[in-house]
Amino acid sequence: MATPKAAPAAGAGSGAAADPRRWLVLAVICVAYLMVGLDLTVVNLALPSAQEALDFTDADRQWIVTAYALPFGGLLLFCGRLSDLIGRKESFLLGVAGFAVASAVGGAANSFGMLVTARALQGAFAALLAPSCLAMLATTFTDPKEKGKAFGIFSGVAASGAALGLIVGGALTSALDWRWTLYINLLFAAVALVGGLSLMTKQPKTGARMDVPGVLLASGGMFGLVYGLSNAAEESWSTPSTWGVLVAAGVLLIAFAFWQTRAAYPLVPPRIVLDRNRGGAYLTVLFVGTGMFGIMLFLIYYMQLNLGYSAISSGVAVLPMIVCTTVAAGAGAAKLLPHHGPKPLITGGMVLSAAGMAWLTRIGTDSGYASHLLGPLIVVGIGMGLIYSAALGTATSDVSPEDAGVASACANTGQQLGGAIGTALLNTIAATAATGWLEDHVNGQPTAQQLELASVHSYTQVFWWCTAIFAVGAVISGLMLRSGPLPTPAAPAADPSEQTETAHS
């Protein structure tokens, strides 16, 4: 009787697990994904310098951020399916090369329009690159133990990219010039391109088909959702450019969901998101993307505007969180996820993150770093590591080869939407809280001290909301995710030639 072979992961090429270069491929994937993660925040600290150099207005400044977020969030599902269609290696290399060219154009920009165009191109190629990275990772490692270690390393990179962007952006802007926040991508891209060309193997075509109506509905809805939320963060929820666009986006996304149940080759097959574990993973990254802006945005504001930290100092201050995230992600994916499954890691990570955000509500106008900030950062870092190690591994678990790219894109979409929701929601909460405090405590023109107290009050309100977001995420993940380890793919049927050989033996 023939002995069954070990089952490959979804979309894995034969013999991928035995490839001695697979760990180098992982390093290349991590370099490319780190580049995408950095650019979510690396330009933020350089905006004042760029504004001075290119002479654009405060109102225009937000478009440098939004121009990146719009195509990134809007094109993820399309690009995820595109990677299934043209091949993961090809989409990876195209994404890296395009991102590098866009970064070079942005660094050399001599006008606001040129910089915005470059940032939009960065976002479009990031939408192609991000799901390709996760899909390539899922199909390169087939051994469960090795896959756990690989996802642990990748999860640490994915979870810490935005925080590292604050450090890198502050350092480059202070030491060199704002343009280097874009030029630095050329170094990452060069490593990723050389490594991708020399190490990655071309994977077989999956037979995926493109759902053109689904692409139009999903991309239009996602563009509208990200734009509406971005506009709400800067303007108001009551303006037609906010609520009108959000309503239109909602209609398009509802139509998209309806179409996916009837399309012959749906862009996002319902079987992907209706699986309890994968659906729970996508919701997880949505909650995390929303709640993390409490630290990525408002804790940085607090350190710089209230405590007087420099751009570099505030970036370095979040280093303990990054280290804890990386260590917890590695331990979670390699040791805990294979034995216990995603439910305890995600739920426990959400609880820890909620506890850390609640701890941050104790800040005051003159809080010390060691006494008020270090502890919460460590706790949130551990929570984030546990969440990402489980969520990213679960997002692509047990999917068919033709769906690996779009399953990866669903996870990236959740993260991008969470960031957009977090920016709009938390900015609104902060502004309302500060205004309310001043109305309750000030008669006439507020003093500088009163303005500072109002701003600290607004931050604590944001942190309480982040606590609630993570707490709700813990409840939902606890109810939605299945108990126990992730399912192992069934062993493939024996090859007919093997059966013949066995019959003759």
Protein backbone atom coordinates (compact mmCIF):
# COMPACT_ATOMS: atom_id res chain seq x y z
CA MET A 1 0.00 0.00 0.00
CA ALA A 2 1.35 3.44 -0.89
CA THR A 3 2.04 5.79 1.99
CA PRO A 4 0.09 9.08 1.71
CA LYS A 5 2.20 12.14 1.20
CA ALA A 6 2.04 15.13 3.52
CA ALA A 7 -0.56 17.58 2.42
CA PRO A 8 0.73 20.78 0.92
CA ALA A 9 -0.64 24.14 1.97
CA ALA A 10 -3.06 25.89 -0.27
CA GLY A 11 -1.42 26.74 -3.50
CA ALA A 12 1.96 25.34 -2.56
CA GLY A 13 4.10 24.09 -5.30
CA SER A 14 5.42 20.61 -4.95
CA GLY A 15 8.52 20.38 -2.92
CA ALA A 16 8.21 23.92 -1.60
CA ALA A 17 8.80 22.79 1.97
CA ALA A 18 12.11 21.20 0.99
CA ASP A 19 13.41 24.33 -0.75
CA PRO A 20 16.59 25.25 1.17
CA ARG A 21 16.05 28.90 0.17
CA ARG A 22 12.63 29.25 1.78
CA TRP A 23 13.96 31.18 4.80
CA LEU A 24 15.72 33.60 2.48
CA VAL A 25 12.43 33.98 0.59
CA LEU A 26 10.81 34.83 3.94
CA ALA A 27 13.44 37.52 4.53
CA VAL A 28 12.71 39.02 1.10
CA ILE A 29 8.96 38.99 1.78
CA CYS A 30 9.48 40.69 5.15
CA VAL A 31 11.66 43.41 3.61
CA ALA A 32 9.01 44.17 1.00
CA TYR A 33 6.14 44.17 3.49
CA LEU A 34 8.10 46.33 5.92
CA MET A 35 8.48 48.91 3.15
CA VAL A 36 4.68 49.02 2.72
CA GLY A 37 4.08 49.23 6.48
CA LEU A 38 6.62 52.00 6.97
CA ASP A 39 4.95 54.17 4.36
CA LEU A 40 1.72 54.23 6.34
CA THR A 41 3.43 56.59 8.81
CA VAL A 42 6.98 57.40 7.66
CA VAL A 43 5.87 60.48 5.71
CA ASN A 44 3.68 61.84 8.51
CA LEU A 45 6.52 63.38 10.51
CA ALA A 46 7.99 64.86 7.33
CA LEU A 47 4.81 66.70 6.31
CA PRO A 48 5.70 70.09 7.87
CA SER A 49 9.08 70.09 6.07
CA ALA A 50 7.51 69.01 2.79
CA GLN A 51 4.84 71.69 3.16
CA GLU A 52 7.48 74.38 3.64
CA ALA A 53 9.53 73.15 0.67
CA LEU A 54 6.64 72.78 -1.79
CA ASP A 55 4.49 75.62 -0.42
CA PHE A 56 1.12 73.91 -0.05
CA THR A 57 -1.63 74.71 2.44
CA ASP A 58 -2.63 73.01 5.67
CA ALA A 59 -5.79 71.76 3.95
CA ASP A 60 -3.67 70.20 1.21
CA ARG A 61 -1.41 68.45 3.72
CA GLN A 62 -3.96 65.73 4.51
CA TRP A 63 -4.01 64.72 0.84
CA ILE A 64 -0.42 63.47 1.13
CA VAL A 65 -1.74 60.82 3.53
CA THR A 66 -5.12 60.27 1.86
CA ALA A 67 -3.59 59.88 -1.62
CA TYR A 68 -1.75 56.81 -0.34
CA ALA A 69 -4.69 55.36 1.59
CA LEU A 70 -7.31 55.70 -1.17
CA PRO A 71 -5.82 53.39 -3.84
CA PHE A 72 -4.30 51.11 -1.20
CA GLY A 73 -7.66 50.41 0.41
CA GLY A 74 -9.69 50.63 -2.78
CA LEU A 75 -7.65 48.27 -4.95
CA LEU A 76 -6.70 45.55 -2.45
CA LEU A 77 -9.41 43.05 -3.38
CA PHE A 78 -8.84 43.56 -7.11
CA CYS A 79 -5.07 43.21 -6.72
CA GLY A 80 -5.44 40.17 -4.49
CA ARG A 81 -7.40 38.39 -7.20
CA LEU A 82 -4.97 39.72 -9.82
CA SER A 83 -2.09 38.01 -7.99
CA ASP A 84 -4.06 34.74 -8.18
CA LEU A 85 -4.53 35.35 -11.91
CA ILE A 86 -1.04 36.38 -13.07
CA GLY A 87 1.03 34.62 -10.42
CA ARG A 88 2.34 35.57 -6.96
CA LYS A 89 5.97 36.02 -8.01
CA GLU A 90 5.02 38.23 -10.95
CA SER A 91 2.69 40.40 -8.88
CA PHE A 92 5.29 40.63 -6.11
CA LEU A 93 8.01 41.84 -8.47
CA LEU A 94 5.68 44.24 -10.27
CA GLY A 95 4.49 45.65 -6.94
CA VAL A 96 8.04 46.17 -5.65
CA ALA A 97 9.27 47.77 -8.88
CA GLY A 98 6.26 50.06 -9.18
CA PHE A 99 6.51 51.10 -5.54
CA ALA A 100 10.20 51.95 -6.01
CA VAL A 101 9.53 54.11 -9.09
CA ALA A 102 6.68 55.93 -7.34
CA SER A 103 8.90 56.55 -4.30
CA ALA A 104 11.67 57.98 -6.48
CA VAL A 105 9.18 60.31 -8.18
CA GLY A 106 7.83 61.42 -4.80
CA GLY A 107 11.29 62.08 -3.43
CA ALA A 108 12.13 64.23 -6.43
CA ALA A 109 8.77 66.06 -6.40
CA ASN A 110 8.97 69.78 -7.13
CA SER A 111 5.25 70.49 -6.68
CA PHE A 112 2.32 69.44 -4.54
CA GLY A 113 0.61 67.74 -7.49
CA MET A 114 3.68 65.67 -8.30
CA LEU A 115 3.98 64.51 -4.67
CA VAL A 116 0.29 63.59 -4.41
CA THR A 117 0.47 61.66 -7.70
CA ALA A 118 3.51 59.75 -6.47
CA ARG A 119 1.79 58.90 -3.19
CA ALA A 120 -1.28 57.64 -5.10
CA LEU A 121 0.95 55.41 -7.24
CA GLN A 122 2.64 54.14 -4.09
CA GLY A 123 -0.76 53.17 -2.72
CA ALA A 124 -1.77 51.39 -5.94
CA PHE A 125 1.40 49.30 -6.05
CA ALA A 126 1.18 48.66 -2.30
CA ALA A 127 -2.27 47.18 -2.95
CA LEU A 128 -0.63 44.74 -5.37
CA LEU A 129 2.37 44.01 -3.17
CA ALA A 130 0.74 43.47 0.24
CA PRO A 131 -1.55 40.52 -0.60
CA SER A 132 1.18 39.00 -2.77
CA CYS A 133 3.50 38.91 0.26
CA LEU A 134 1.02 37.10 2.49
CA ALA A 135 -0.06 34.70 -0.27
CA MET A 136 3.56 33.93 -1.15
CA LEU A 137 4.29 33.23 2.50
CA ALA A 138 1.29 30.92 2.81
CA THR A 139 2.32 28.93 -0.26
CA THR A 140 6.07 28.79 0.40
CA PHE A 141 5.96 27.07 3.80
CA THR A 142 4.11 23.74 3.99
CA ASP A 143 5.43 22.12 7.15
CA PRO A 144 3.13 23.20 10.04
CA LYS A 145 6.00 23.87 12.47
CA GLU A 146 7.99 25.85 9.94
CA LYS A 147 4.89 27.72 8.83
CA GLY A 148 4.26 28.73 12.44
CA LYS A 149 7.77 30.14 12.79
CA ALA A 150 7.52 31.91 9.43
CA PHE A 151 4.19 33.52 10.25
CA GLY A 152 5.56 34.54 13.64
CA ILE A 153 8.41 36.45 12.02
CA PHE A 154 6.15 37.96 9.37
CA SER A 155 3.54 38.92 11.97
CA GLY A 156 6.14 40.82 13.97
CA VAL A 157 7.12 42.77 10.86
CA ALA A 158 3.49 43.43 9.92
CA ALA A 159 2.53 44.59 13.40
CA SER A 160 5.51 46.87 13.92
CA GLY A 161 5.85 48.46 10.47
CA ALA A 162 3.72 51.53 11.20
CA ALA A 163 5.44 52.16 14.54
CA LEU A 164 8.88 51.79 12.96
CA GLY A 165 7.78 54.31 10.34
CA LEU A 166 7.51 56.94 13.08
CA ILE A 167 11.09 56.27 14.16
CA VAL A 168 12.51 56.15 10.64
CA GLY A 169 10.53 59.20 9.53
CA GLY A 170 11.64 61.25 12.49
CA ALA A 171 15.28 60.23 12.11
CA LEU A 172 15.45 60.87 8.36
CA THR A 173 13.66 64.21 8.56
CA SER A 174 15.87 65.44 11.39
CA ALA A 175 19.21 64.11 10.13
CA LEU A 176 18.82 64.45 6.36
CA ASP A 177 15.76 65.80 4.54
CA TRP A 178 12.05 65.01 4.19
CA ARG A 179 12.70 63.58 0.72
CA TRP A 180 14.62 60.69 2.27
CA THR A 181 11.41 59.38 3.83
CA LEU A 182 10.57 58.41 0.23
CA TYR A 183 14.06 57.68 -1.08
CA ILE A 184 14.63 55.12 1.70
CA ASN A 185 12.17 52.85 -0.10
CA LEU A 186 14.66 52.42 -2.94
CA LEU A 187 16.96 50.53 -0.58
CA PHE A 188 14.19 48.19 0.55
CA ALA A 189 12.99 47.72 -3.03
CA ALA A 190 16.48 46.90 -4.32
CA VAL A 191 16.88 44.13 -1.74
CA ALA A 192 13.37 42.79 -2.43
CA LEU A 193 13.81 42.86 -6.22
CA VAL A 194 17.18 41.11 -6.24
CA GLY A 195 15.97 38.58 -3.71
CA GLY A 196 12.67 38.00 -5.51
CA LEU A 197 14.31 37.48 -8.90
CA SER A 198 16.99 35.13 -7.60
CA LEU A 199 15.17 33.20 -4.88
CA MET A 200 11.46 33.00 -5.63
CA THR A 201 10.19 30.22 -7.86
CA LYS A 202 7.43 30.77 -10.38
CA GLN A 203 4.24 29.17 -9.11
CA PRO A 204 1.75 27.39 -11.38
CA LYS A 205 -1.31 29.21 -12.64
CA THR A 206 -4.28 28.72 -10.35
CA GLY A 207 -7.08 28.96 -12.89
CA ALA A 208 -8.59 32.00 -11.15
CA ARG A 209 -11.00 34.21 -13.12
CA MET A 210 -11.57 37.96 -12.81
CA ASP A 211 -15.00 39.16 -11.69
CA VAL A 212 -15.19 42.52 -13.51
CA PRO A 213 -18.56 43.69 -12.07
CA GLY A 214 -17.34 42.66 -8.61
CA VAL A 215 -14.13 44.65 -9.10
CA LEU A 216 -16.04 47.78 -10.10
CA LEU A 217 -18.49 47.51 -7.19
CA ALA A 218 -15.86 46.64 -4.57
CA SER A 219 -13.29 49.19 -5.69
CA GLY A 220 -15.89 51.95 -5.99
CA GLY A 221 -17.31 51.14 -2.58
CA MET A 222 -13.90 50.93 -0.92
CA PHE A 223 -12.70 54.17 -2.53
CA GLY A 224 -15.83 55.92 -1.29
CA LEU A 225 -15.54 54.47 2.20
CA VAL A 226 -11.89 55.43 2.65
CA TYR A 227 -12.45 58.89 1.14
CA GLY A 228 -15.54 59.57 3.24
CA LEU A 229 -13.81 58.54 6.45
CA SER A 230 -10.72 60.57 5.57
CA ASN A 231 -12.90 63.59 4.88
CA ALA A 232 -14.73 63.13 8.18
CA ALA A 233 -11.39 63.16 9.99
CA GLU A 234 -10.53 66.56 8.51
CA GLU A 235 -13.88 68.23 7.93
CA SER A 236 -17.14 67.09 9.51
CA TRP A 237 -19.51 64.14 9.46
CA SER A 238 -22.33 66.50 8.46
CA THR A 239 -20.86 67.74 5.17
CA PRO A 240 -22.23 66.21 1.95
CA SER A 241 -18.70 65.28 0.89
CA THR A 242 -18.61 63.00 3.95
CA TRP A 243 -22.04 61.50 4.51
CA GLY A 244 -23.02 61.56 0.85
CA VAL A 245 -19.92 59.65 -0.19
CA LEU A 246 -20.30 57.22 2.73
CA VAL A 247 -23.92 56.49 1.79
CA ALA A 248 -22.93 55.89 -1.85
CA ALA A 249 -20.08 53.64 -0.68
CA GLY A 250 -22.49 51.67 1.49
CA VAL A 251 -24.87 51.13 -1.44
CA LEU A 252 -22.02 49.92 -3.66
CA LEU A 253 -20.70 47.53 -1.02
CA ILE A 254 -24.17 46.10 -0.36
CA ALA A 255 -24.57 45.58 -4.11
CA PHE A 256 -21.13 43.94 -4.17
CA ALA A 257 -22.09 41.51 -1.39
CA PHE A 258 -25.33 40.66 -3.25
CA TRP A 259 -23.46 40.13 -6.52
CA GLN A 260 -20.90 37.81 -4.91
CA THR A 261 -23.66 35.30 -4.12
CA ARG A 262 -24.64 35.17 -7.80
CA ALA A 263 -21.45 35.70 -9.79
CA ALA A 264 -20.06 32.69 -11.65
CA TYR A 265 -16.51 33.57 -10.54
CA PRO A 266 -16.92 35.94 -7.57
CA LEU A 267 -14.12 38.31 -6.64
CA VAL A 268 -14.46 37.25 -2.99
CA PRO A 269 -16.08 33.81 -2.91
CA PRO A 270 -18.50 33.69 0.05
CA ARG A 271 -16.80 30.49 1.27
CA ILE A 272 -13.74 32.57 2.19
CA VAL A 273 -15.39 35.06 4.52
CA LEU A 274 -18.16 32.79 5.82
CA ASP A 275 -15.69 30.39 7.41
CA ARG A 276 -15.82 31.21 11.13
CA ASN A 277 -12.07 31.26 11.65
CA ARG A 278 -11.18 33.26 8.57
CA GLY A 279 -14.10 35.65 9.04
CA GLY A 280 -13.05 36.13 12.65
CA ALA A 281 -9.49 36.87 11.54
CA TYR A 282 -10.67 39.55 9.10
CA LEU A 283 -12.80 41.20 11.78
CA THR A 284 -9.84 41.01 14.15
CA VAL A 285 -7.54 43.05 11.93
CA LEU A 286 -10.38 45.55 11.44
CA PHE A 287 -10.70 46.07 15.21
CA VAL A 288 -6.92 46.21 15.66
CA GLY A 289 -6.51 48.70 12.81
CA THR A 290 -9.11 50.95 14.44
CA GLY A 291 -7.86 50.70 18.01
CA MET A 292 -4.15 50.99 17.25
CA PHE A 293 -4.57 54.57 16.06
CA GLY A 294 -4.96 55.48 19.71
CA ILE A 295 -1.22 54.88 20.03
CA MET A 296 -0.03 55.59 16.49
CA LEU A 297 -1.73 58.99 16.43
CA PHE A 298 -2.83 60.31 19.80
CA LEU A 299 -0.09 58.95 22.05
CA ILE A 300 2.43 60.48 19.64
CA TYR A 301 0.50 63.78 19.79
CA TYR A 302 0.60 63.63 23.59
CA MET A 303 4.32 62.94 23.76
CA GLN A 304 5.24 65.67 21.29
CA LEU A 305 2.73 68.42 22.07
CA ASN A 306 2.30 67.95 25.82
CA LEU A 307 5.49 66.31 27.05
CA GLY A 308 7.82 68.07 24.61
CA TYR A 309 9.32 64.98 22.96
CA SER A 310 11.08 65.45 19.64
CA ALA A 311 10.04 63.44 16.58
CA ILE A 312 12.90 60.98 17.13
CA SER A 313 12.31 60.75 20.89
CA SER A 314 8.62 59.96 20.47
CA GLY A 315 9.47 57.31 17.90
CA VAL A 316 12.11 55.74 20.13
CA ALA A 317 9.63 55.81 23.03
CA VAL A 318 7.46 53.22 21.26
CA LEU A 319 10.42 50.85 20.72
CA PRO A 320 9.52 48.67 23.74
CA MET A 321 6.12 48.07 22.18
CA ILE A 322 7.73 47.07 18.88
CA VAL A 323 10.12 44.65 20.61
CA CYS A 324 7.33 43.07 22.65
CA THR A 325 5.15 42.79 19.56
CA THR A 326 7.88 41.00 17.61
CA VAL A 327 8.75 38.60 20.44
CA ALA A 328 5.11 37.81 21.23
CA ALA A 329 4.27 37.30 17.54
CA GLY A 330 7.13 34.85 17.11
CA ALA A 331 6.25 32.88 20.23
CA GLY A 332 2.54 32.93 19.48
CA ALA A 333 2.76 31.70 15.88
CA ALA A 334 5.49 29.11 16.47
CA LYS A 335 4.52 27.69 19.87
CA LEU A 336 0.91 28.54 20.73
CA LEU A 337 -1.07 28.72 17.47
CA PRO A 338 -0.31 25.14 16.26
CA HIS A 339 -1.43 23.63 19.58
CA HIS A 340 -4.23 25.92 20.74
CA GLY A 341 -5.55 27.58 17.59
CA PRO A 342 -6.34 31.28 17.09
CA LYS A 343 -9.14 31.71 19.63
CA PRO A 344 -7.12 32.02 22.88
CA LEU A 345 -4.38 34.09 21.21
CA ILE A 346 -6.69 36.62 19.58
CA THR A 347 -9.08 36.87 22.51
CA GLY A 348 -6.24 37.09 25.03
CA GLY A 349 -4.41 39.61 22.88
CA MET A 350 -7.53 41.78 22.66
CA VAL A 351 -7.94 41.66 26.45
CA LEU A 352 -4.30 42.63 26.98
CA SER A 353 -4.58 45.48 24.48
CA ALA A 354 -7.74 46.73 26.17
CA ALA A 355 -5.96 46.63 29.54
CA GLY A 356 -2.99 48.56 28.15
CA MET A 357 -5.22 51.25 26.65
CA ALA A 358 -7.15 51.56 29.92
CA TRP A 359 -3.82 51.96 31.74
CA LEU A 360 -2.95 54.87 29.42
CA THR A 361 -5.99 56.82 30.65
CA ARG A 362 -3.98 57.66 33.80
CA ILE A 363 -1.80 60.19 31.95
CA GLY A 364 -1.62 63.81 33.05
CA THR A 365 -0.01 67.02 31.88
CA ASP A 366 3.39 66.09 33.36
CA SER A 367 3.42 62.27 33.32
CA GLY A 368 6.75 60.45 33.32
CA TYR A 369 7.68 57.92 30.66
CA ALA A 370 8.66 55.10 33.03
CA SER A 371 5.76 55.69 35.42
CA HIS A 372 2.89 56.19 32.95
CA LEU A 373 3.83 55.12 29.42
CA LEU A 374 6.32 52.24 29.46
CA GLY A 375 4.06 49.71 31.18
CA PRO A 376 1.04 50.26 28.90
CA LEU A 377 3.26 50.13 25.80
CA ILE A 378 4.67 46.76 26.88
CA VAL A 379 1.23 45.32 27.61
CA VAL A 380 -0.23 46.55 24.29
CA GLY A 381 2.86 45.26 22.46
CA ILE A 382 2.40 41.76 23.84
CA GLY A 383 -1.30 41.88 22.98
CA MET A 384 -0.61 43.02 19.43
CA GLY A 385 1.95 40.27 18.91
CA LEU A 386 -0.47 37.56 20.01
CA ILE A 387 -3.26 38.97 17.84
CA TYR A 388 -1.22 39.33 14.66
CA SER A 389 0.49 35.95 15.02
CA ALA A 390 -2.92 34.26 15.04
CA ALA A 391 -4.90 36.54 12.72
CA LEU A 392 -2.50 36.55 9.76
CA GLY A 393 -1.94 32.81 9.94
CA THR A 394 -5.68 32.16 10.15
CA ALA A 395 -6.57 34.57 7.32
CA THR A 396 -5.11 32.23 4.68
CA SER A 397 -5.64 28.88 6.40
CA ASP A 398 -7.33 26.06 4.51
CA VAL A 399 -8.02 28.05 1.34
CA SER A 400 -7.88 26.62 -2.17
CA PRO A 401 -4.94 27.58 -4.41
CA GLU A 402 -6.99 29.95 -6.58
CA ASP A 403 -8.17 31.89 -3.52
CA ALA A 404 -4.89 32.46 -1.62
CA GLY A 405 -4.31 35.94 -3.04
CA VAL A 406 -7.80 37.29 -2.44
CA ALA A 407 -7.89 35.71 1.04
CA SER A 408 -4.70 37.62 1.83
CA ALA A 409 -6.24 40.79 0.40
CA CYS A 410 -9.24 40.44 2.73
CA ALA A 411 -6.89 40.60 5.72
CA ASN A 412 -5.10 43.66 4.32
CA THR A 413 -8.45 45.29 3.54
CA GLY A 414 -9.57 44.86 7.13
CA GLN A 415 -6.41 46.54 8.34
CA GLN A 416 -6.74 49.47 5.93
CA LEU A 417 -10.41 50.00 6.71
CA GLY A 418 -9.65 49.84 10.42
CA GLY A 419 -7.04 52.56 10.02
CA ALA A 420 -9.46 54.78 8.09
CA ILE A 421 -12.24 54.22 10.63
CA GLY A 422 -9.84 54.81 13.51
CA THR A 423 -8.60 58.09 12.07
CA ALA A 424 -12.12 59.45 11.47
CA LEU A 425 -13.75 58.12 14.64
CA LEU A 426 -10.96 58.94 17.10
CA ASN A 427 -10.32 62.40 15.64
CA THR A 428 -14.01 63.20 16.07
CA ILE A 429 -14.01 61.88 19.64
CA ALA A 430 -10.89 63.87 20.54
CA ALA A 431 -12.22 67.12 19.08
CA THR A 432 -15.60 66.71 20.78
CA ALA A 433 -14.02 65.85 24.13
CA ALA A 434 -11.67 68.85 24.05
CA THR A 435 -14.48 71.23 23.10
CA GLY A 436 -16.74 69.81 25.80
CA TRP A 437 -14.08 70.17 28.49
CA LEU A 438 -13.46 73.81 27.59
CA GLU A 439 -17.19 74.58 27.62
CA ASP A 440 -17.53 73.02 31.08
CA HIS A 441 -14.42 74.54 32.69
CA VAL A 442 -13.64 77.84 30.94
CA ASN A 443 -15.40 81.19 30.85
CA GLY A 444 -13.96 83.45 28.19
CA GLN A 445 -10.59 82.98 26.53
CA PRO A 446 -8.84 79.77 27.72
CA THR A 447 -5.31 79.96 29.11
CA ALA A 448 -2.45 77.84 27.81
CA GLN A 449 -2.75 75.58 30.85
CA GLN A 450 -6.47 75.08 30.26
CA LEU A 451 -5.86 74.24 26.62
CA GLU A 452 -3.30 71.65 27.71
CA LEU A 453 -5.73 70.15 30.21
CA ALA A 454 -8.39 69.98 27.51
CA SER A 455 -6.04 68.19 25.13
CA VAL A 456 -5.02 65.63 27.78
CA HIS A 457 -8.70 65.05 28.54
CA SER A 458 -9.34 64.43 24.85
CA TYR A 459 -6.52 61.85 24.73
CA THR A 460 -7.85 59.98 27.75
CA GLN A 461 -11.30 59.84 26.16
CA VAL A 462 -9.74 58.41 23.01
CA PHE A 463 -7.91 55.78 25.08
CA TRP A 464 -11.15 54.80 26.81
CA TRP A 465 -12.79 54.35 23.42
CA CYS A 466 -9.84 52.25 22.25
CA THR A 467 -10.28 50.17 25.40
CA ALA A 468 -13.91 49.60 24.44
CA ILE A 469 -12.97 48.73 20.84
CA PHE A 470 -10.51 46.07 21.97
CA ALA A 471 -12.96 44.76 24.58
CA VAL A 472 -15.69 44.38 21.97
CA GLY A 473 -13.15 42.69 19.70
CA ALA A 474 -12.35 40.23 22.49
CA VAL A 475 -16.04 39.32 22.88
CA ILE A 476 -16.63 38.95 19.14
CA SER A 477 -13.50 36.87 18.59
CA GLY A 478 -14.34 34.71 21.58
CA LEU A 479 -17.79 33.99 20.18
CA MET A 480 -16.85 33.69 16.51
CA LEU A 481 -13.59 31.74 16.43
CA ARG A 482 -13.64 27.97 16.78
CA SER A 483 -11.87 26.30 19.68
CA GLY A 484 -8.87 24.10 18.98
CA PRO A 485 -6.10 24.11 16.38
CA LEU A 486 -6.65 25.19 12.81
CA PRO A 487 -7.78 22.38 10.48
CA THR A 488 -5.03 20.52 8.65
CA PRO A 489 -5.54 20.23 4.87
CA ALA A 490 -6.57 16.77 3.80
CA ALA A 491 -3.94 14.63 2.17
CA PRO A 492 -4.19 14.68 -1.62
CA ALA A 493 -5.30 11.63 -3.49
CA ALA A 494 -2.50 9.31 -4.55
CA ASP A 495 -1.05 9.94 -7.98
CA PRO A 496 -2.44 7.47 -10.58
CA SER A 497 1.09 6.35 -11.47
CA GLU A 498 1.72 5.55 -7.81
CA GLN A 499 -1.49 3.53 -7.67
CA THR A 500 -0.40 1.55 -10.73
CA GLU A 501 3.01 0.89 -9.24
CA THR A 502 1.38 -0.23 -6.00
CA ALA A 503 -0.98 -2.58 -7.84
CA HIS A 504 1.95 -4.24 -9.63
CA SER A 505 4.08 -4.56 -6.48
